[in-house]
Amino acid sequence: MAAYAIGSLTLHNTDWQQEYGTRMPALIQKHGGKILAKAATEALEGQPLFPGIAVLIEFPSEQHAKAWNDDPEHVPLRKLRSSGAAFDLALVNGLS
């Protein structure tokens, strides 16, 4: 069953983005993931869930998503991202 990593990114500076942007897609692909969306969001009802930029990544399974998140190559990328952004990440399992 597919699983979706949903992130909310609030930028403080963009100094980190070039390196992060060249390295993260390969790490996502390594675990079978695919970026489905990355953009500012619009609340259709209630308060915005993602105040900055939302990112949606599809993985073949929860195990693939967790392997990506736990990959040792992810550690320096998290540190790099945290130098210029606040980030929240959730995992949602698909229906089938």
PDB file of N, CA and C in Angstrom:
ATOM      1  N   MET A   1       0.838  -1.163   0.000  1.00  0.00           N
ATOM      2  CA  MET A   1       0.000   0.000   0.000  1.00  0.00           C
ATOM      3  C   MET A   1       0.893   1.239   0.000  1.00  0.00           C
ATOM      4  N   ALA A   2       0.563   2.208  -0.821  1.00  0.00           N
ATOM      5  CA  ALA A   2       1.345   3.441  -0.906  1.00  0.00           C
ATOM      6  C   ALA A   2       1.286   4.199   0.417  1.00  0.00           C
ATOM      7  N   ALA A   3       2.317   4.976   0.670  1.00  0.00           N
ATOM      8  CA  ALA A   3       2.380   5.850   1.836  1.00  0.00           C
ATOM      9  C   ALA A   3       2.847   7.217   1.364  1.00  0.00           C
ATOM     10  N   TYR A   4       2.401   8.244   2.053  1.00  0.00           N
ATOM     11  CA  TYR A   4       2.679   9.615   1.635  1.00  0.00           C
ATOM     12  C   TYR A   4       3.341  10.387   2.767  1.00  0.00           C
ATOM     13  N   ALA A   5       4.498  10.952   2.468  1.00  0.00           N
ATOM     14  CA  ALA A   5       5.168  11.852   3.394  1.00  0.00           C
ATOM     15  C   ALA A   5       4.693  13.258   3.037  1.00  0.00           C
ATOM     16  N   ILE A   6       4.134  13.942   4.024  1.00  0.00           N
ATOM     17  CA  ILE A   6       3.603  15.282   3.816  1.00  0.00           C
ATOM     18  C   ILE A   6       4.393  16.232   4.698  1.00  0.00           C
ATOM     19  N   GLY A   7       5.059  17.177   4.071  1.00  0.00           N
ATOM     20  CA  GLY A   7       5.889  18.114   4.807  1.00  0.00           C
ATOM     21  C   GLY A   7       5.394  19.540   4.684  1.00  0.00           C
ATOM     22  N   SER A   8       5.678  20.329   5.697  1.00  0.00           N
ATOM     23  CA  SER A   8       5.366  21.759   5.704  1.00  0.00           C
ATOM     24  C   SER A   8       6.657  22.513   6.011  1.00  0.00           C
ATOM     25  N   LEU A   9       7.040  23.369   5.093  1.00  0.00           N
ATOM     26  CA  LEU A   9       8.323  24.067   5.159  1.00  0.00           C
ATOM     27  C   LEU A   9       8.099  25.568   5.291  1.00  0.00           C
ATOM     28  N   THR A  10       8.706  26.169   6.310  1.00  0.00           N
ATOM     29  CA  THR A  10       8.678  27.622   6.478  1.00  0.00           C
ATOM     30  C   THR A  10      10.104  28.125   6.305  1.00  0.00           C
ATOM     31  N   LEU A  11      10.334  28.868   5.239  1.00  0.00           N
ATOM     32  CA  LEU A  11      11.673  29.348   4.902  1.00  0.00           C
ATOM     33  C   LEU A  11      12.090  30.526   5.770  1.00  0.00           C
ATOM     34  N   HIS A  12      13.362  30.497   6.188  1.00  0.00           N
ATOM     35  CA  HIS A  12      13.976  31.634   6.879  1.00  0.00           C
ATOM     36  C   HIS A  12      15.054  32.261   5.988  1.00  0.00           C
ATOM     37  N   ASN A  13      15.727  31.417   5.221  1.00  0.00           N
ATOM     38  CA  ASN A  13      16.673  31.873   4.204  1.00  0.00           C
ATOM     39  C   ASN A  13      16.793  30.767   3.165  1.00  0.00           C
ATOM     40  N   THR A  14      17.392  31.079   2.036  1.00  0.00           N
ATOM     41  CA  THR A  14      17.476  30.107   0.942  1.00  0.00           C
ATOM     42  C   THR A  14      18.907  29.616   0.687  1.00  0.00           C
ATOM     43  N   ASP A  15      19.823  29.930   1.579  1.00  0.00           N
ATOM     44  CA  ASP A  15      21.230  29.565   1.379  1.00  0.00           C
ATOM     45  C   ASP A  15      21.446  28.060   1.208  1.00  0.00           C
ATOM     46  N   TRP A  16      20.642  27.261   1.789  1.00  0.00           N
ATOM     47  CA  TRP A  16      20.775  25.805   1.821  1.00  0.00           C
ATOM     48  C   TRP A  16      20.116  25.108   0.635  1.00  0.00           C
ATOM     49  N   GLN A  17      19.237  25.798  -0.062  1.00  0.00           N
ATOM     50  CA  GLN A  17      18.370  25.150  -1.043  1.00  0.00           C
ATOM     51  C   GLN A  17      19.087  24.526  -2.239  1.00  0.00           C
ATOM     52  N   GLN A  18      20.117  25.127  -2.747  1.00  0.00           N
ATOM     53  CA  GLN A  18      20.767  24.582  -3.937  1.00  0.00           C
ATOM     54  C   GLN A  18      21.358  23.197  -3.656  1.00  0.00           C
ATOM     55  N   GLU A  19      22.147  23.082  -2.599  1.00  0.00           N
ATOM     56  CA  GLU A  19      22.742  21.789  -2.281  1.00  0.00           C
ATOM     57  C   GLU A  19      21.663  20.764  -1.927  1.00  0.00           C
ATOM     58  N   TYR A  20      20.724  21.148  -1.115  1.00  0.00           N
ATOM     59  CA  TYR A  20      19.638  20.266  -0.700  1.00  0.00           C
ATOM     60  C   TYR A  20      18.842  19.795  -1.920  1.00  0.00           C
ATOM     61  N   GLY A  21      18.544  20.728  -2.810  1.00  0.00           N
ATOM     62  CA  GLY A  21      17.754  20.427  -3.999  1.00  0.00           C
ATOM     63  C   GLY A  21      18.443  19.509  -4.984  1.00  0.00           C
ATOM     64  N   THR A  22      19.762  19.456  -4.951  1.00  0.00           N
ATOM     65  CA  THR A  22      20.471  18.550  -5.847  1.00  0.00           C
ATOM     66  C   THR A  22      20.636  17.164  -5.225  1.00  0.00           C
ATOM     67  N   ARG A  23      20.600  17.075  -3.901  1.00  0.00           N
ATOM     68  CA  ARG A  23      20.849  15.792  -3.232  1.00  0.00           C
ATOM     69  C   ARG A  23      19.579  15.050  -2.799  1.00  0.00           C
ATOM     70  N   MET A  24      18.549  15.778  -2.391  1.00  0.00           N
ATOM     71  CA  MET A  24      17.357  15.118  -1.850  1.00  0.00           C
ATOM     72  C   MET A  24      16.593  14.290  -2.887  1.00  0.00           C
ATOM     73  N   PRO A  25      16.407  14.747  -4.113  1.00  0.00           N
ATOM     74  CA  PRO A  25      15.658  13.913  -5.067  1.00  0.00           C
ATOM     75  C   PRO A  25      16.256  12.519  -5.258  1.00  0.00           C
ATOM     76  N   ALA A  26      17.573  12.410  -5.302  1.00  0.00           N
ATOM     77  CA  ALA A  26      18.216  11.099  -5.462  1.00  0.00           C
ATOM     78  C   ALA A  26      17.958  10.218  -4.236  1.00  0.00           C
ATOM     79  N   LEU A  27      17.953  10.794  -3.052  1.00  0.00           N
ATOM     80  CA  LEU A  27      17.687  10.029  -1.839  1.00  0.00           C
ATOM     81  C   LEU A  27      16.241   9.535  -1.829  1.00  0.00           C
ATOM     82  N   ILE A  28      15.327  10.369  -2.261  1.00  0.00           N
ATOM     83  CA  ILE A  28      13.915   9.970  -2.345  1.00  0.00           C
ATOM     84  C   ILE A  28      13.767   8.819  -3.344  1.00  0.00           C
ATOM     85  N   GLN A  29      14.378   8.951  -4.502  1.00  0.00           N
ATOM     86  CA  GLN A  29      14.299   7.915  -5.536  1.00  0.00           C
ATOM     87  C   GLN A  29      14.941   6.610  -5.075  1.00  0.00           C
ATOM     88  N   LYS A  30      15.997   6.702  -4.300  1.00  0.00           N
ATOM     89  CA  LYS A  30      16.686   5.514  -3.765  1.00  0.00           C
ATOM     90  C   LYS A  30      15.715   4.616  -3.012  1.00  0.00           C
ATOM     91  N   HIS A  31      14.696   5.211  -2.404  1.00  0.00           N
ATOM     92  CA  HIS A  31      13.727   4.470  -1.607  1.00  0.00           C
ATOM     93  C   HIS A  31      12.385   4.317  -2.320  1.00  0.00           C
ATOM     94  N   GLY A  32      12.395   4.496  -3.637  1.00  0.00           N
ATOM     95  CA  GLY A  32      11.192   4.286  -4.430  1.00  0.00           C
ATOM     96  C   GLY A  32      10.200   5.418  -4.393  1.00  0.00           C
ATOM     97  N   GLY A  33      10.617   6.565  -3.859  1.00  0.00           N
ATOM     98  CA  GLY A  33       9.716   7.696  -3.714  1.00  0.00           C
ATOM     99  C   GLY A  33       9.635   8.575  -4.944  1.00  0.00           C
ATOM    100  N   LYS A  34       8.567   9.356  -4.974  1.00  0.00           N
ATOM    101  CA  LYS A  34       8.340  10.283  -6.075  1.00  0.00           C
ATOM    102  C   LYS A  34       7.677  11.544  -5.509  1.00  0.00           C
ATOM    103  N   ILE A  35       8.245  12.713  -5.811  1.00  0.00           N
ATOM    104  CA  ILE A  35       7.648  13.973  -5.363  1.00  0.00           C
ATOM    105  C   ILE A  35       6.425  14.242  -6.232  1.00  0.00           C
ATOM    106  N   LEU A  36       5.268  14.368  -5.582  1.00  0.00           N
ATOM    107  CA  LEU A  36       4.018  14.608  -6.307  1.00  0.00           C
ATOM    108  C   LEU A  36       3.642  16.086  -6.348  1.00  0.00           C
ATOM    109  N   ALA A  37       4.006  16.824  -5.308  1.00  0.00           N
ATOM    110  CA  ALA A  37       3.651  18.247  -5.248  1.00  0.00           C
ATOM    111  C   ALA A  37       4.626  18.977  -4.345  1.00  0.00           C
ATOM    112  N   LYS A  38       4.861  20.243  -4.683  1.00  0.00           N
ATOM    113  CA  LYS A  38       5.704  21.115  -3.858  1.00  0.00           C
ATOM    114  C   LYS A  38       5.330  22.548  -4.206  1.00  0.00           C
ATOM    115  N   ALA A  39       4.560  23.181  -3.321  1.00  0.00           N
ATOM    116  CA  ALA A  39       4.081  24.542  -3.598  1.00  0.00           C
ATOM    117  C   ALA A  39       3.429  25.132  -2.350  1.00  0.00           C
ATOM    118  N   ALA A  40       3.173  26.418  -2.417  1.00  0.00           N
ATOM    119  CA  ALA A  40       2.396  27.068  -1.369  1.00  0.00           C
ATOM    120  C   ALA A  40       0.974  26.517  -1.436  1.00  0.00           C
ATOM    121  N   THR A  41       0.297  26.486  -0.300  1.00  0.00           N
ATOM    122  CA  THR A  41      -1.046  25.928  -0.262  1.00  0.00           C
ATOM    123  C   THR A  41      -2.090  27.021  -0.064  1.00  0.00           C
ATOM    124  N   GLU A  42      -3.323  26.648  -0.334  1.00  0.00           N
ATOM    125  CA  GLU A  42      -4.460  27.539  -0.142  1.00  0.00           C
ATOM    126  C   GLU A  42      -5.479  26.803   0.713  1.00  0.00           C
ATOM    127  N   ALA A  43      -5.913  27.405   1.805  1.00  0.00           N
ATOM    128  CA  ALA A  43      -6.921  26.783   2.664  1.00  0.00           C
ATOM    129  C   ALA A  43      -8.281  26.916   1.987  1.00  0.00           C
ATOM    130  N   LEU A  44      -8.962  25.803   1.843  1.00  0.00           N
ATOM    131  CA  LEU A  44     -10.306  25.825   1.272  1.00  0.00           C
ATOM    132  C   LEU A  44     -11.375  25.880   2.357  1.00  0.00           C
ATOM    133  N   GLU A  45     -10.989  25.451   3.567  1.00  0.00           N
ATOM    134  CA  GLU A  45     -11.911  25.487   4.691  1.00  0.00           C
ATOM    135  C   GLU A  45     -11.093  25.510   5.975  1.00  0.00           C
ATOM    136  N   GLY A  46     -11.463  26.310   6.932  1.00  0.00           N
ATOM    137  CA  GLY A  46     -10.746  26.378   8.200  1.00  0.00           C
ATOM    138  C   GLY A  46      -9.398  27.062   8.060  1.00  0.00           C
ATOM    139  N   GLN A  47      -8.537  26.789   9.033  1.00  0.00           N
ATOM    140  CA  GLN A  47      -7.208  27.390   9.072  1.00  0.00           C
ATOM    141  C   GLN A  47      -6.253  26.626   8.166  1.00  0.00           C
ATOM    142  N   PRO A  48      -5.261  27.308   7.600  1.00  0.00           N
ATOM    143  CA  PRO A  48      -4.276  26.608   6.761  1.00  0.00           C
ATOM    144  C   PRO A  48      -3.527  25.548   7.577  1.00  0.00           C
ATOM    145  N   LEU A  49      -3.406  24.349   7.025  1.00  0.00           N
ATOM    146  CA  LEU A  49      -2.656  23.291   7.691  1.00  0.00           C
ATOM    147  C   LEU A  49      -1.161  23.452   7.481  1.00  0.00           C
ATOM    148  N   PHE A  50      -0.807  24.043   6.355  1.00  0.00           N
ATOM    149  CA  PHE A  50       0.593  24.216   5.977  1.00  0.00           C
ATOM    150  C   PHE A  50       0.837  25.693   5.720  1.00  0.00           C
ATOM    151  N   PRO A  51       1.424  26.414   6.684  1.00  0.00           N
ATOM    152  CA  PRO A  51       1.567  27.851   6.549  1.00  0.00           C
ATOM    153  C   PRO A  51       2.588  28.295   5.497  1.00  0.00           C
ATOM    154  N   GLY A  52       3.518  27.456   5.147  1.00  0.00           N
ATOM    155  CA  GLY A  52       4.547  27.828   4.180  1.00  0.00           C
ATOM    156  C   GLY A  52       4.381  27.053   2.892  1.00  0.00           C
ATOM    157  N   ILE A  53       5.372  26.259   2.583  1.00  0.00           N
ATOM    158  CA  ILE A  53       5.376  25.439   1.382  1.00  0.00           C
ATOM    159  C   ILE A  53       5.083  24.000   1.793  1.00  0.00           C
ATOM    160  N   ALA A  54       4.186  23.358   1.074  1.00  0.00           N
ATOM    161  CA  ALA A  54       3.876  21.955   1.338  1.00  0.00           C
ATOM    162  C   ALA A  54       4.592  21.091   0.314  1.00  0.00           C
ATOM    163  N   VAL A  55       5.005  19.915   0.757  1.00  0.00           N
ATOM    164  CA  VAL A  55       5.597  18.937  -0.150  1.00  0.00           C
ATOM    165  C   VAL A  55       4.911  17.599   0.095  1.00  0.00           C
ATOM    166  N   LEU A  56       4.595  16.910  -0.995  1.00  0.00           N
ATOM    167  CA  LEU A  56       3.931  15.613  -0.925  1.00  0.00           C
ATOM    168  C   LEU A  56       4.780  14.600  -1.683  1.00  0.00           C
ATOM    169  N   ILE A  57       5.224  13.565  -0.973  1.00  0.00           N
ATOM    170  CA  ILE A  57       6.078  12.534  -1.564  1.00  0.00           C
ATOM    171  C   ILE A  57       5.379  11.194  -1.425  1.00  0.00           C
ATOM    172  N   GLU A  58       5.250  10.484  -2.536  1.00  0.00           N
ATOM    173  CA  GLU A  58       4.641   9.158  -2.522  1.00  0.00           C
ATOM    174  C   GLU A  58       5.735   8.095  -2.474  1.00  0.00           C
ATOM    175  N   PHE A  59       5.533   7.098  -1.596  1.00  0.00           N
ATOM    176  CA  PHE A  59       6.418   5.946  -1.499  1.00  0.00           C
ATOM    177  C   PHE A  59       5.590   4.682  -1.732  1.00  0.00           C
ATOM    178  N   PRO A  60       6.232   3.609  -2.183  1.00  0.00           N
ATOM    179  CA  PRO A  60       5.490   2.369  -2.418  1.00  0.00           C
ATOM    180  C   PRO A  60       4.841   1.796  -1.157  1.00  0.00           C
ATOM    181  N   SER A  61       5.422   2.075  -0.002  1.00  0.00           N
ATOM    182  CA  SER A  61       4.896   1.534   1.256  1.00  0.00           C
ATOM    183  C   SER A  61       5.382   2.377   2.426  1.00  0.00           C
ATOM    184  N   GLU A  62       4.788   2.125   3.577  1.00  0.00           N
ATOM    185  CA  GLU A  62       5.224   2.783   4.811  1.00  0.00           C
ATOM    186  C   GLU A  62       6.685   2.442   5.103  1.00  0.00           C
ATOM    187  N   GLN A  63       7.072   1.193   4.842  1.00  0.00           N
ATOM    188  CA  GLN A  63       8.447   0.760   5.096  1.00  0.00           C
ATOM    189  C   GLN A  63       9.436   1.536   4.227  1.00  0.00           C
ATOM    190  N   HIS A  64       9.083   1.783   2.973  1.00  0.00           N
ATOM    191  CA  HIS A  64       9.949   2.568   2.084  1.00  0.00           C
ATOM    192  C   HIS A  64      10.096   4.002   2.608  1.00  0.00           C
ATOM    193  N   ALA A  65       8.982   4.585   3.036  1.00  0.00           N
ATOM    194  CA  ALA A  65       9.017   5.957   3.554  1.00  0.00           C
ATOM    195  C   ALA A  65       9.877   6.057   4.807  1.00  0.00           C
ATOM    196  N   LYS A  66       9.723   5.089   5.689  1.00  0.00           N
ATOM    197  CA  LYS A  66      10.509   5.110   6.922  1.00  0.00           C
ATOM    198  C   LYS A  66      11.985   4.839   6.651  1.00  0.00           C
ATOM    199  N   ALA A  67      12.275   3.978   5.672  1.00  0.00           N
ATOM    200  CA  ALA A  67      13.676   3.732   5.301  1.00  0.00           C
ATOM    201  C   ALA A  67      14.308   5.001   4.755  1.00  0.00           C
ATOM    202  N   TRP A  68      13.565   5.776   3.962  1.00  0.00           N
ATOM    203  CA  TRP A  68      14.056   7.064   3.460  1.00  0.00           C
ATOM    204  C   TRP A  68      14.319   8.009   4.631  1.00  0.00           C
ATOM    205  N   ASN A  69      13.354   8.106   5.521  1.00  0.00           N
ATOM    206  CA  ASN A  69      13.487   9.035   6.639  1.00  0.00           C
ATOM    207  C   ASN A  69      14.631   8.650   7.571  1.00  0.00           C
ATOM    208  N   ASP A  70      14.869   7.344   7.729  1.00  0.00           N
ATOM    209  CA  ASP A  70      15.913   6.862   8.629  1.00  0.00           C
ATOM    210  C   ASP A  70      17.271   6.677   7.960  1.00  0.00           C
ATOM    211  N   ASP A  71      17.349   6.893   6.660  1.00  0.00           N
ATOM    212  CA  ASP A  71      18.601   6.692   5.920  1.00  0.00           C
ATOM    213  C   ASP A  71      19.693   7.604   6.479  1.00  0.00           C
ATOM    214  N   PRO A  72      20.893   7.071   6.752  1.00  0.00           N
ATOM    215  CA  PRO A  72      21.994   7.902   7.258  1.00  0.00           C
ATOM    216  C   PRO A  72      22.339   9.074   6.333  1.00  0.00           C
ATOM    217  N   GLU A  73      22.089   8.944   5.043  1.00  0.00           N
ATOM    218  CA  GLU A  73      22.328  10.062   4.113  1.00  0.00           C
ATOM    219  C   GLU A  73      21.372  11.227   4.364  1.00  0.00           C
ATOM    220  N   HIS A  74      20.278  10.967   5.056  1.00  0.00           N
ATOM    221  CA  HIS A  74      19.281  12.003   5.337  1.00  0.00           C
ATOM    222  C   HIS A  74      19.744  12.953   6.448  1.00  0.00           C
ATOM    223  N   VAL A  75      20.581  12.446   7.343  1.00  0.00           N
ATOM    224  CA  VAL A  75      21.019  13.238   8.507  1.00  0.00           C
ATOM    225  C   VAL A  75      21.660  14.571   8.100  1.00  0.00           C
ATOM    226  N   PRO A  76      22.672  14.580   7.215  1.00  0.00           N
ATOM    227  CA  PRO A  76      23.264  15.867   6.857  1.00  0.00           C
ATOM    228  C   PRO A  76      22.299  16.768   6.075  1.00  0.00           C
ATOM    229  N   LEU A  77      21.365  16.167   5.362  1.00  0.00           N
ATOM    230  CA  LEU A  77      20.388  16.983   4.635  1.00  0.00           C
ATOM    231  C   LEU A  77      19.405  17.644   5.590  1.00  0.00           C
ATOM    232  N   ARG A  78      19.027  16.937   6.640  1.00  0.00           N
ATOM    233  CA  ARG A  78      18.166  17.556   7.669  1.00  0.00           C
ATOM    234  C   ARG A  78      18.885  18.746   8.316  1.00  0.00           C
ATOM    235  N   LYS A  79      20.148  18.537   8.643  1.00  0.00           N
ATOM    236  CA  LYS A  79      20.929  19.607   9.278  1.00  0.00           C
ATOM    237  C   LYS A  79      21.035  20.807   8.336  1.00  0.00           C
ATOM    238  N   LEU A  80      21.279  20.537   7.069  1.00  0.00           N
ATOM    239  CA  LEU A  80      21.370  21.603   6.075  1.00  0.00           C
ATOM    240  C   LEU A  80      20.046  22.362   5.982  1.00  0.00           C
ATOM    241  N   ARG A  81      18.940  21.626   5.883  1.00  0.00           N
ATOM    242  CA  ARG A  81      17.613  22.256   5.780  1.00  0.00           C
ATOM    243  C   ARG A  81      17.304  23.081   7.015  1.00  0.00           C
ATOM    244  N   SER A  82      17.655  22.560   8.191  1.00  0.00           N
ATOM    245  CA  SER A  82      17.337  23.279   9.427  1.00  0.00           C
ATOM    246  C   SER A  82      18.137  24.572   9.570  1.00  0.00           C
ATOM    247  N   SER A  83      19.185  24.740   8.761  1.00  0.00           N
ATOM    248  CA  SER A  83      19.951  25.990   8.803  1.00  0.00           C
ATOM    249  C   SER A  83      19.178  27.150   8.176  1.00  0.00           C
ATOM    250  N   GLY A  84      18.105  26.841   7.463  1.00  0.00           N
ATOM    251  CA  GLY A  84      17.359  27.929   6.826  1.00  0.00           C
ATOM    252  C   GLY A  84      15.866  27.746   6.762  1.00  0.00           C
ATOM    253  N   ALA A  85      15.338  26.746   7.475  1.00  0.00           N
ATOM    254  CA  ALA A  85      13.903  26.526   7.414  1.00  0.00           C
ATOM    255  C   ALA A  85      13.423  25.721   8.615  1.00  0.00           C
ATOM    256  N   ALA A  86      12.178  25.922   8.969  1.00  0.00           N
ATOM    257  CA  ALA A  86      11.492  25.067   9.928  1.00  0.00           C
ATOM    258  C   ALA A  86      10.722  24.042   9.109  1.00  0.00           C
ATOM    259  N   PHE A  87      10.675  22.790   9.577  1.00  0.00           N
ATOM    260  CA  PHE A  87      10.059  21.731   8.786  1.00  0.00           C
ATOM    261  C   PHE A  87       9.301  20.777   9.688  1.00  0.00           C
ATOM    262  N   ASP A  88       8.093  20.443   9.284  1.00  0.00           N
ATOM    263  CA  ASP A  88       7.284  19.428   9.952  1.00  0.00           C
ATOM    264  C   ASP A  88       6.976  18.353   8.919  1.00  0.00           C
ATOM    265  N   LEU A  89       6.948  17.090   9.349  1.00  0.00           N
ATOM    266  CA  LEU A  89       6.749  15.981   8.421  1.00  0.00           C
ATOM    267  C   LEU A  89       5.808  14.959   9.055  1.00  0.00           C
ATOM    268  N   ALA A  90       4.853  14.495   8.265  1.00  0.00           N
ATOM    269  CA  ALA A  90       3.922  13.464   8.712  1.00  0.00           C
ATOM    270  C   ALA A  90       3.874  12.362   7.670  1.00  0.00           C
ATOM    271  N   LEU A  91       3.490  11.162   8.110  1.00  0.00           N
ATOM    272  CA  LEU A  91       3.351  10.031   7.220  1.00  0.00           C
ATOM    273  C   LEU A  91       1.895   9.589   7.233  1.00  0.00           C
ATOM    274  N   VAL A  92       1.328   9.407   6.047  1.00  0.00           N
ATOM    275  CA  VAL A  92      -0.057   8.965   5.912  1.00  0.00           C
ATOM    276  C   VAL A  92      -0.072   7.752   4.992  1.00  0.00           C
ATOM    277  N   ASN A  93      -0.700   6.676   5.441  1.00  0.00           N
ATOM    278  CA  ASN A  93      -0.820   5.493   4.604  1.00  0.00           C
ATOM    279  C   ASN A  93      -1.986   5.645   3.635  1.00  0.00           C
ATOM    280  N   GLY A  94      -1.794   5.135   2.413  1.00  0.00           N
ATOM    281  CA  GLY A  94      -2.860   5.154   1.419  1.00  0.00           C
ATOM    282  C   GLY A  94      -3.954   4.152   1.765  1.00  0.00           C
ATOM    283  N   LEU A  95      -5.018   4.173   0.985  1.00  0.00           N
ATOM    284  CA  LEU A  95      -6.168   3.327   1.257  1.00  0.00           C
ATOM    285  C   LEU A  95      -6.031   1.921   0.702  1.00  0.00           C
ATOM    286  N   SER A  96      -5.275   1.765  -0.359  1.00  0.00           N
ATOM    287  CA  SER A  96      -5.129   0.407  -0.908  1.00  0.00           C
ATOM    288  C   SER A  96      -3.763   0.217  -1.513  1.00  0.00           C
TER     289      SER A  96
END
